[in-house]
Amino acid sequence: MNGKVLAFVDIFVDSLLIDDVLRELSALDNVVEVYEVTGEFDIVSLISADSIEQFRDVLKSKIMKIKGIKSTVSSIVLKIDKQPQRNSD
């Protein structure tokens, strides 16, 4: 991970605003991936930050400020055991 902080942020959203939330999340620089999902949460996102302090700032100052987000649950990645192969095209 090269000193980077990766975190999955599970997001509960006001269902009427989900498209707006998806659009705003996708526009944030630190948001690497965004998935609309079924199950307990409405959205799962992968966040990359240079430090835990930067992650905290992105979560509090950007993600939680998006209208329509009710709450979040964060999971910090401790170790990557397997990840998808990325094409370098």
PDB file of N, CA and C in Angstrom:
ATOM      1  N   MET A   1       0.817  -1.200   0.000  1.00  0.00           N
ATOM      2  CA  MET A   1       0.000   0.000   0.000  1.00  0.00           C
ATOM      3  C   MET A   1       0.856   1.258   0.000  1.00  0.00           C
ATOM      4  N   ASN A   2       2.138   1.133   0.210  1.00  0.00           N
ATOM      5  CA  ASN A   2       3.070   2.249   0.118  1.00  0.00           C
ATOM      6  C   ASN A   2       2.718   3.425   1.024  1.00  0.00           C
ATOM      7  N   GLY A   3       2.349   3.165   2.282  1.00  0.00           N
ATOM      8  CA  GLY A   3       2.073   4.237   3.220  1.00  0.00           C
ATOM      9  C   GLY A   3       0.713   4.888   3.052  1.00  0.00           C
ATOM     10  N   LYS A   4      -0.011   4.507   2.036  1.00  0.00           N
ATOM     11  CA  LYS A   4      -1.350   5.066   1.817  1.00  0.00           C
ATOM     12  C   LYS A   4      -2.337   4.423   2.781  1.00  0.00           C
ATOM     13  N   VAL A   5      -3.382   5.161   3.103  1.00  0.00           N
ATOM     14  CA  VAL A   5      -4.490   4.630   3.880  1.00  0.00           C
ATOM     15  C   VAL A   5      -5.614   4.319   2.896  1.00  0.00           C
ATOM     16  N   LEU A   6      -6.097   3.083   2.935  1.00  0.00           N
ATOM     17  CA  LEU A   6      -7.269   2.699   2.152  1.00  0.00           C
ATOM     18  C   LEU A   6      -8.376   2.364   3.138  1.00  0.00           C
ATOM     19  N   ALA A   7      -9.587   2.803   2.812  1.00  0.00           N
ATOM     20  CA  ALA A   7     -10.716   2.517   3.682  1.00  0.00           C
ATOM     21  C   ALA A   7     -11.968   2.302   2.848  1.00  0.00           C
ATOM     22  N   PHE A   8     -12.736   1.311   3.256  1.00  0.00           N
ATOM     23  CA  PHE A   8     -14.064   1.134   2.689  1.00  0.00           C
ATOM     24  C   PHE A   8     -15.014   1.954   3.541  1.00  0.00           C
ATOM     25  N   VAL A   9     -15.831   2.764   2.895  1.00  0.00           N
ATOM     26  CA  VAL A   9     -16.830   3.543   3.618  1.00  0.00           C
ATOM     27  C   VAL A   9     -18.201   3.101   3.126  1.00  0.00           C
ATOM     28  N   ASP A  10     -18.951   2.474   4.024  1.00  0.00           N
ATOM     29  CA  ASP A  10     -20.314   2.045   3.742  1.00  0.00           C
ATOM     30  C   ASP A  10     -21.230   3.200   4.101  1.00  0.00           C
ATOM     31  N   ILE A  11     -22.174   3.510   3.203  1.00  0.00           N
ATOM     32  CA  ILE A  11     -22.945   4.742   3.347  1.00  0.00           C
ATOM     33  C   ILE A  11     -24.446   4.458   3.310  1.00  0.00           C
ATOM     34  N   PHE A  12     -25.147   5.007   4.298  1.00  0.00           N
ATOM     35  CA  PHE A  12     -26.607   5.008   4.324  1.00  0.00           C
ATOM     36  C   PHE A  12     -27.069   6.323   3.711  1.00  0.00           C
ATOM     37  N   VAL A  13     -28.004   6.242   2.746  1.00  0.00           N
ATOM     38  CA  VAL A  13     -28.406   7.425   1.983  1.00  0.00           C
ATOM     39  C   VAL A  13     -29.924   7.582   1.993  1.00  0.00           C
ATOM     40  N   ASP A  14     -30.383   8.828   1.976  1.00  0.00           N
ATOM     41  CA  ASP A  14     -31.802   9.118   1.736  1.00  0.00           C
ATOM     42  C   ASP A  14     -32.090   8.652   0.317  1.00  0.00           C
ATOM     43  N   SER A  15     -32.977   7.680   0.167  1.00  0.00           N
ATOM     44  CA  SER A  15     -33.191   7.032  -1.131  1.00  0.00           C
ATOM     45  C   SER A  15     -33.591   8.003  -2.243  1.00  0.00           C
ATOM     46  N   LEU A  16     -34.226   9.110  -1.916  1.00  0.00           N
ATOM     47  CA  LEU A  16     -34.617  10.087  -2.936  1.00  0.00           C
ATOM     48  C   LEU A  16     -33.419  10.833  -3.517  1.00  0.00           C
ATOM     49  N   LEU A  17     -32.294  10.817  -2.798  1.00  0.00           N
ATOM     50  CA  LEU A  17     -31.115  11.578  -3.217  1.00  0.00           C
ATOM     51  C   LEU A  17     -29.947  10.699  -3.648  1.00  0.00           C
ATOM     52  N   ILE A  18     -30.179   9.408  -3.841  1.00  0.00           N
ATOM     53  CA  ILE A  18     -29.062   8.491  -4.104  1.00  0.00           C
ATOM     54  C   ILE A  18     -28.284   8.854  -5.368  1.00  0.00           C
ATOM     55  N   ASP A  19     -28.968   9.261  -6.436  1.00  0.00           N
ATOM     56  CA  ASP A  19     -28.250   9.618  -7.670  1.00  0.00           C
ATOM     57  C   ASP A  19     -27.359  10.841  -7.459  1.00  0.00           C
ATOM     58  N   ASP A  20     -27.845  11.817  -6.706  1.00  0.00           N
ATOM     59  CA  ASP A  20     -27.044  13.012  -6.403  1.00  0.00           C
ATOM     60  C   ASP A  20     -25.827  12.648  -5.556  1.00  0.00           C
ATOM     61  N   VAL A  21     -26.031  11.783  -4.568  1.00  0.00           N
ATOM     62  CA  VAL A  21     -24.930  11.353  -3.705  1.00  0.00           C
ATOM     63  C   VAL A  21     -23.882  10.596  -4.514  1.00  0.00           C
ATOM     64  N   LEU A  22     -24.322   9.688  -5.378  1.00  0.00           N
ATOM     65  CA  LEU A  22     -23.383   8.937  -6.222  1.00  0.00           C
ATOM     66  C   LEU A  22     -22.550   9.882  -7.092  1.00  0.00           C
ATOM     67  N   ARG A  23     -23.196  10.871  -7.658  1.00  0.00           N
ATOM     68  CA  ARG A  23     -22.499  11.834  -8.520  1.00  0.00           C
ATOM     69  C   ARG A  23     -21.469  12.649  -7.733  1.00  0.00           C
ATOM     70  N   GLU A  24     -21.870  13.133  -6.561  1.00  0.00           N
ATOM     71  CA  GLU A  24     -20.949  13.946  -5.753  1.00  0.00           C
ATOM     72  C   GLU A  24     -19.779  13.131  -5.212  1.00  0.00           C
ATOM     73  N   LEU A  25     -20.057  11.908  -4.770  1.00  0.00           N
ATOM     74  CA  LEU A  25     -18.975  11.042  -4.298  1.00  0.00           C
ATOM     75  C   LEU A  25     -17.975  10.767  -5.409  1.00  0.00           C
ATOM     76  N   SER A  26     -18.478  10.455  -6.590  1.00  0.00           N
ATOM     77  CA  SER A  26     -17.616  10.119  -7.726  1.00  0.00           C
ATOM     78  C   SER A  26     -16.715  11.277  -8.131  1.00  0.00           C
ATOM     79  N   ALA A  27     -17.111  12.490  -7.812  1.00  0.00           N
ATOM     80  CA  ALA A  27     -16.331  13.675  -8.182  1.00  0.00           C
ATOM     81  C   ALA A  27     -15.194  13.973  -7.200  1.00  0.00           C
ATOM     82  N   LEU A  28     -15.186  13.334  -6.039  1.00  0.00           N
ATOM     83  CA  LEU A  28     -14.144  13.596  -5.045  1.00  0.00           C
ATOM     84  C   LEU A  28     -12.839  12.889  -5.415  1.00  0.00           C
ATOM     85  N   ASP A  29     -11.728  13.606  -5.306  1.00  0.00           N
ATOM     86  CA  ASP A  29     -10.418  13.065  -5.687  1.00  0.00           C
ATOM     87  C   ASP A  29     -10.023  11.823  -4.897  1.00  0.00           C
ATOM     88  N   ASN A  30     -10.308  11.787  -3.622  1.00  0.00           N
ATOM     89  CA  ASN A  30      -9.877  10.669  -2.782  1.00  0.00           C
ATOM     90  C   ASN A  30     -10.757   9.435  -2.917  1.00  0.00           C
ATOM     91  N   VAL A  31     -11.878   9.563  -3.602  1.00  0.00           N
ATOM     92  CA  VAL A  31     -12.779   8.431  -3.778  1.00  0.00           C
ATOM     93  C   VAL A  31     -12.320   7.631  -4.993  1.00  0.00           C
ATOM     94  N   VAL A  32     -11.825   6.419  -4.749  1.00  0.00           N
ATOM     95  CA  VAL A  32     -11.239   5.584  -5.785  1.00  0.00           C
ATOM     96  C   VAL A  32     -12.312   4.771  -6.516  1.00  0.00           C
ATOM     97  N   GLU A  33     -13.279   4.251  -5.757  1.00  0.00           N
ATOM     98  CA  GLU A  33     -14.340   3.421  -6.323  1.00  0.00           C
ATOM     99  C   GLU A  33     -15.644   3.723  -5.603  1.00  0.00           C
ATOM    100  N   VAL A  34     -16.759   3.615  -6.343  1.00  0.00           N
ATOM    101  CA  VAL A  34     -18.093   3.831  -5.767  1.00  0.00           C
ATOM    102  C   VAL A  34     -19.019   2.762  -6.325  1.00  0.00           C
ATOM    103  N   TYR A  35     -19.744   2.086  -5.422  1.00  0.00           N
ATOM    104  CA  TYR A  35     -20.671   1.029  -5.825  1.00  0.00           C
ATOM    105  C   TYR A  35     -22.034   1.273  -5.184  1.00  0.00           C
ATOM    106  N   GLU A  36     -23.086   1.221  -5.987  1.00  0.00           N
ATOM    107  CA  GLU A  36     -24.442   1.184  -5.455  1.00  0.00           C
ATOM    108  C   GLU A  36     -24.734  -0.295  -5.199  1.00  0.00           C
ATOM    109  N   VAL A  37     -25.157  -0.635  -3.977  1.00  0.00           N
ATOM    110  CA  VAL A  37     -25.274  -2.037  -3.594  1.00  0.00           C
ATOM    111  C   VAL A  37     -26.622  -2.347  -2.957  1.00  0.00           C
ATOM    112  N   THR A  38     -26.919  -3.646  -2.885  1.00  0.00           N
ATOM    113  CA  THR A  38     -28.063  -4.105  -2.116  1.00  0.00           C
ATOM    114  C   THR A  38     -27.574  -4.483  -0.734  1.00  0.00           C
ATOM    115  N   GLY A  39     -28.509  -4.710   0.178  1.00  0.00           N
ATOM    116  CA  GLY A  39     -28.117  -5.133   1.512  1.00  0.00           C
ATOM    117  C   GLY A  39     -28.277  -4.027   2.529  1.00  0.00           C
ATOM    118  N   GLU A  40     -27.479  -4.096   3.563  1.00  0.00           N
ATOM    119  CA  GLU A  40     -27.611  -3.180   4.691  1.00  0.00           C
ATOM    120  C   GLU A  40     -27.324  -1.732   4.302  1.00  0.00           C
ATOM    121  N   PHE A  41     -26.336  -1.511   3.420  1.00  0.00           N
ATOM    122  CA  PHE A  41     -25.933  -0.164   3.032  1.00  0.00           C
ATOM    123  C   PHE A  41     -26.464   0.146   1.640  1.00  0.00           C
ATOM    124  N   ASP A  42     -26.449   1.414   1.280  1.00  0.00           N
ATOM    125  CA  ASP A  42     -26.885   1.835  -0.042  1.00  0.00           C
ATOM    126  C   ASP A  42     -25.712   1.985  -1.009  1.00  0.00           C
ATOM    127  N   ILE A  43     -24.574   2.444  -0.473  1.00  0.00           N
ATOM    128  CA  ILE A  43     -23.378   2.704  -1.281  1.00  0.00           C
ATOM    129  C   ILE A  43     -22.160   2.181  -0.528  1.00  0.00           C
ATOM    130  N   VAL A  44     -21.228   1.595  -1.263  1.00  0.00           N
ATOM    131  CA  VAL A  44     -19.923   1.244  -0.711  1.00  0.00           C
ATOM    132  C   VAL A  44     -18.882   1.984  -1.543  1.00  0.00           C
ATOM    133  N   SER A  45     -17.976   2.676  -0.864  1.00  0.00           N
ATOM    134  CA  SER A  45     -16.933   3.412  -1.581  1.00  0.00           C
ATOM    135  C   SER A  45     -15.566   3.019  -1.034  1.00  0.00           C
ATOM    136  N   LEU A  46     -14.565   3.152  -1.884  1.00  0.00           N
ATOM    137  CA  LEU A  46     -13.179   2.913  -1.480  1.00  0.00           C
ATOM    138  C   LEU A  46     -12.471   4.257  -1.506  1.00  0.00           C
ATOM    139  N   ILE A  47     -11.884   4.615  -0.379  1.00  0.00           N
ATOM    140  CA  ILE A  47     -11.231   5.908  -0.217  1.00  0.00           C
ATOM    141  C   ILE A  47      -9.725   5.690  -0.064  1.00  0.00           C
ATOM    142  N   SER A  48      -8.943   6.538  -0.731  1.00  0.00           N
ATOM    143  CA  SER A  48      -7.490   6.513  -0.602  1.00  0.00           C
ATOM    144  C   SER A  48      -7.041   7.855  -0.026  1.00  0.00           C
ATOM    145  N   ALA A  49      -6.143   7.786   0.954  1.00  0.00           N
ATOM    146  CA  ALA A  49      -5.624   9.012   1.567  1.00  0.00           C
ATOM    147  C   ALA A  49      -4.146   8.813   1.883  1.00  0.00           C
ATOM    148  N   ASP A  50      -3.439   9.917   2.021  1.00  0.00           N
ATOM    149  CA  ASP A  50      -2.009   9.861   2.328  1.00  0.00           C
ATOM    150  C   ASP A  50      -1.735   9.570   3.797  1.00  0.00           C
ATOM    151  N   SER A  51      -2.720   9.808   4.659  1.00  0.00           N
ATOM    152  CA  SER A  51      -2.552   9.591   6.089  1.00  0.00           C
ATOM    153  C   SER A  51      -3.927   9.395   6.718  1.00  0.00           C
ATOM    154  N   ILE A  52      -3.944   8.928   7.957  1.00  0.00           N
ATOM    155  CA  ILE A  52      -5.204   8.766   8.665  1.00  0.00           C
ATOM    156  C   ILE A  52      -5.847  10.135   8.905  1.00  0.00           C
ATOM    157  N   GLU A  53      -5.013  11.155   9.087  1.00  0.00           N
ATOM    158  CA  GLU A  53      -5.541  12.504   9.274  1.00  0.00           C
ATOM    159  C   GLU A  53      -6.242  12.995   8.013  1.00  0.00           C
ATOM    160  N   GLN A  54      -5.654  12.722   6.846  1.00  0.00           N
ATOM    161  CA  GLN A  54      -6.296  13.118   5.590  1.00  0.00           C
ATOM    162  C   GLN A  54      -7.593  12.336   5.391  1.00  0.00           C
ATOM    163  N   PHE A  55      -7.590  11.053   5.714  1.00  0.00           N
ATOM    164  CA  PHE A  55      -8.818  10.269   5.614  1.00  0.00           C
ATOM    165  C   PHE A  55      -9.905  10.872   6.498  1.00  0.00           C
ATOM    166  N   ARG A  56      -9.559  11.202   7.725  1.00  0.00           N
ATOM    167  CA  ARG A  56     -10.517  11.816   8.655  1.00  0.00           C
ATOM    168  C   ARG A  56     -11.082  13.101   8.070  1.00  0.00           C
ATOM    169  N   ASP A  57     -10.222  13.922   7.484  1.00  0.00           N
ATOM    170  CA  ASP A  57     -10.655  15.184   6.896  1.00  0.00           C
ATOM    171  C   ASP A  57     -11.602  14.950   5.712  1.00  0.00           C
ATOM    172  N   VAL A  58     -11.254  14.007   4.845  1.00  0.00           N
ATOM    173  CA  VAL A  58     -12.107  13.693   3.692  1.00  0.00           C
ATOM    174  C   VAL A  58     -13.474  13.207   4.175  1.00  0.00           C
ATOM    175  N   LEU A  59     -13.474  12.341   5.182  1.00  0.00           N
ATOM    176  CA  LEU A  59     -14.731  11.805   5.698  1.00  0.00           C
ATOM    177  C   LEU A  59     -15.592  12.907   6.313  1.00  0.00           C
ATOM    178  N   LYS A  60     -14.991  13.706   7.205  1.00  0.00           N
ATOM    179  CA  LYS A  60     -15.760  14.718   7.926  1.00  0.00           C
ATOM    180  C   LYS A  60     -16.086  15.947   7.086  1.00  0.00           C
ATOM    181  N   SER A  61     -15.125  16.410   6.302  1.00  0.00           N
ATOM    182  CA  SER A  61     -15.290  17.689   5.605  1.00  0.00           C
ATOM    183  C   SER A  61     -15.873  17.568   4.206  1.00  0.00           C
ATOM    184  N   LYS A  62     -15.830  16.374   3.630  1.00  0.00           N
ATOM    185  CA  LYS A  62     -16.333  16.215   2.271  1.00  0.00           C
ATOM    186  C   LYS A  62     -17.486  15.210   2.208  1.00  0.00           C
ATOM    187  N   ILE A  63     -17.223  13.970   2.582  1.00  0.00           N
ATOM    188  CA  ILE A  63     -18.241  12.928   2.430  1.00  0.00           C
ATOM    189  C   ILE A  63     -19.463  13.209   3.304  1.00  0.00           C
ATOM    190  N   MET A  64     -19.254  13.465   4.585  1.00  0.00           N
ATOM    191  CA  MET A  64     -20.381  13.676   5.493  1.00  0.00           C
ATOM    192  C   MET A  64     -21.140  14.976   5.225  1.00  0.00           C
ATOM    193  N   LYS A  65     -20.577  15.861   4.414  1.00  0.00           N
ATOM    194  CA  LYS A  65     -21.239  17.123   4.067  1.00  0.00           C
ATOM    195  C   LYS A  65     -22.161  16.979   2.858  1.00  0.00           C
ATOM    196  N   ILE A  66     -22.114  15.837   2.187  1.00  0.00           N
ATOM    197  CA  ILE A  66     -22.950  15.633   1.007  1.00  0.00           C
ATOM    198  C   ILE A  66     -24.401  15.465   1.437  1.00  0.00           C
ATOM    199  N   LYS A  67     -25.258  16.289   0.865  1.00  0.00           N
ATOM    200  CA  LYS A  67     -26.684  16.231   1.185  1.00  0.00           C
ATOM    201  C   LYS A  67     -27.246  14.871   0.771  1.00  0.00           C
ATOM    202  N   GLY A  68     -27.939  14.229   1.700  1.00  0.00           N
ATOM    203  CA  GLY A  68     -28.535  12.929   1.426  1.00  0.00           C
ATOM    204  C   GLY A  68     -27.842  11.794   2.153  1.00  0.00           C
ATOM    205  N   ILE A  69     -26.606  12.022   2.620  1.00  0.00           N
ATOM    206  CA  ILE A  69     -25.911  10.980   3.382  1.00  0.00           C
ATOM    207  C   ILE A  69     -26.398  11.035   4.820  1.00  0.00           C
ATOM    208  N   LYS A  70     -26.928   9.905   5.281  1.00  0.00           N
ATOM    209  CA  LYS A  70     -27.444   9.821   6.646  1.00  0.00           C
ATOM    210  C   LYS A  70     -26.341   9.458   7.643  1.00  0.00           C
ATOM    211  N   SER A  71     -25.550   8.418   7.289  1.00  0.00           N
ATOM    212  CA  SER A  71     -24.472   7.980   8.168  1.00  0.00           C
ATOM    213  C   SER A  71     -23.512   7.094   7.395  1.00  0.00           C
ATOM    214  N   THR A  72     -22.353   6.838   7.994  1.00  0.00           N
ATOM    215  CA  THR A  72     -21.332   6.007   7.359  1.00  0.00           C
ATOM    216  C   THR A  72     -20.757   5.020   8.371  1.00  0.00           C
ATOM    217  N   VAL A  73     -20.190   3.952   7.836  1.00  0.00           N
ATOM    218  CA  VAL A  73     -19.424   2.992   8.631  1.00  0.00           C
ATOM    219  C   VAL A  73     -18.121   2.771   7.872  1.00  0.00           C
ATOM    220  N   SER A  74     -16.995   3.032   8.531  1.00  0.00           N
ATOM    221  CA  SER A  74     -15.690   2.928   7.865  1.00  0.00           C
ATOM    222  C   SER A  74     -14.922   1.703   8.319  1.00  0.00           C
ATOM    223  N   SER A  75     -14.221   1.091   7.363  1.00  0.00           N
ATOM    224  CA  SER A  75     -13.330  -0.039   7.654  1.00  0.00           C
ATOM    225  C   SER A  75     -11.982   0.267   7.009  1.00  0.00           C
ATOM    226  N   ILE A  76     -10.950   0.432   7.834  1.00  0.00           N
ATOM    227  CA  ILE A  76      -9.600   0.702   7.338  1.00  0.00           C
ATOM    228  C   ILE A  76      -8.981  -0.608   6.864  1.00  0.00           C
ATOM    229  N   VAL A  77      -8.379  -0.591   5.693  1.00  0.00           N
ATOM    230  CA  VAL A  77      -7.706  -1.777   5.152  1.00  0.00           C
ATOM    231  C   VAL A  77      -6.376  -1.949   5.884  1.00  0.00           C
ATOM    232  N   LEU A  78      -6.195  -3.103   6.513  1.00  0.00           N
ATOM    233  CA  LEU A  78      -4.950  -3.394   7.220  1.00  0.00           C
ATOM    234  C   LEU A  78      -3.906  -4.019   6.310  1.00  0.00           C
ATOM    235  N   LYS A  79      -4.373  -4.888   5.393  1.00  0.00           N
ATOM    236  CA  LYS A  79      -3.466  -5.605   4.499  1.00  0.00           C
ATOM    237  C   LYS A  79      -4.266  -6.054   3.289  1.00  0.00           C
ATOM    238  N   ILE A  80      -3.660  -5.961   2.117  1.00  0.00           N
ATOM    239  CA  ILE A  80      -4.303  -6.439   0.894  1.00  0.00           C
ATOM    240  C   ILE A  80      -3.786  -7.841   0.611  1.00  0.00           C
ATOM    241  N   ASP A  81      -4.678  -8.816   0.648  1.00  0.00           N
ATOM    242  CA  ASP A  81      -4.299 -10.194   0.370  1.00  0.00           C
ATOM    243  C   ASP A  81      -4.510 -10.561  -1.088  1.00  0.00           C
ATOM    244  N   LYS A  82      -5.498  -9.957  -1.717  1.00  0.00           N
ATOM    245  CA  LYS A  82      -5.760 -10.190  -3.133  1.00  0.00           C
ATOM    246  C   LYS A  82      -6.579  -9.015  -3.638  1.00  0.00           C
ATOM    247  N   GLN A  83      -6.267  -8.572  -4.831  1.00  0.00           N
ATOM    248  CA  GLN A  83      -7.056  -7.516  -5.446  1.00  0.00           C
ATOM    249  C   GLN A  83      -7.155  -7.750  -6.931  1.00  0.00           C
ATOM    250  N   PRO A  84      -8.127  -7.130  -7.572  1.00  0.00           N
ATOM    251  CA  PRO A  84      -8.297  -7.351  -9.016  1.00  0.00           C
ATOM    252  C   PRO A  84      -7.069  -6.930  -9.806  1.00  0.00           C
ATOM    253  N   GLN A  85      -6.811  -7.665 -10.874  1.00  0.00           N
ATOM    254  CA  GLN A  85      -5.730  -7.280 -11.775  1.00  0.00           C
ATOM    255  C   GLN A  85      -6.162  -6.055 -12.562  1.00  0.00           C
ATOM    256  N   ARG A  86      -5.343  -5.063 -12.610  1.00  0.00           N
ATOM    257  CA  ARG A  86      -5.650  -3.840 -13.328  1.00  0.00           C
ATOM    258  C   ARG A  86      -4.849  -3.806 -14.624  1.00  0.00           C
ATOM    259  N   ASN A  87      -5.533  -3.544 -15.728  1.00  0.00           N
ATOM    260  CA  ASN A  87      -4.823  -3.388 -17.001  1.00  0.00           C
ATOM    261  C   ASN A  87      -4.095  -2.074 -17.007  1.00  0.00           C
ATOM    262  N   SER A  88      -2.907  -2.051 -17.567  1.00  0.00           N
ATOM    263  CA  SER A  88      -2.125  -0.815 -17.614  1.00  0.00           C
ATOM    264  C   SER A  88      -2.283  -0.099 -18.946  1.00  0.00           C
ATOM    265  N   ASP A  89      -3.379  -0.389 -19.658  1.00  0.00           N
ATOM    266  CA  ASP A  89      -3.621   0.247 -20.959  1.00  0.00           C
ATOM    267  C   ASP A  89      -3.940   1.699 -20.817  1.00  0.00           C
TER     268      ASP A  89
END
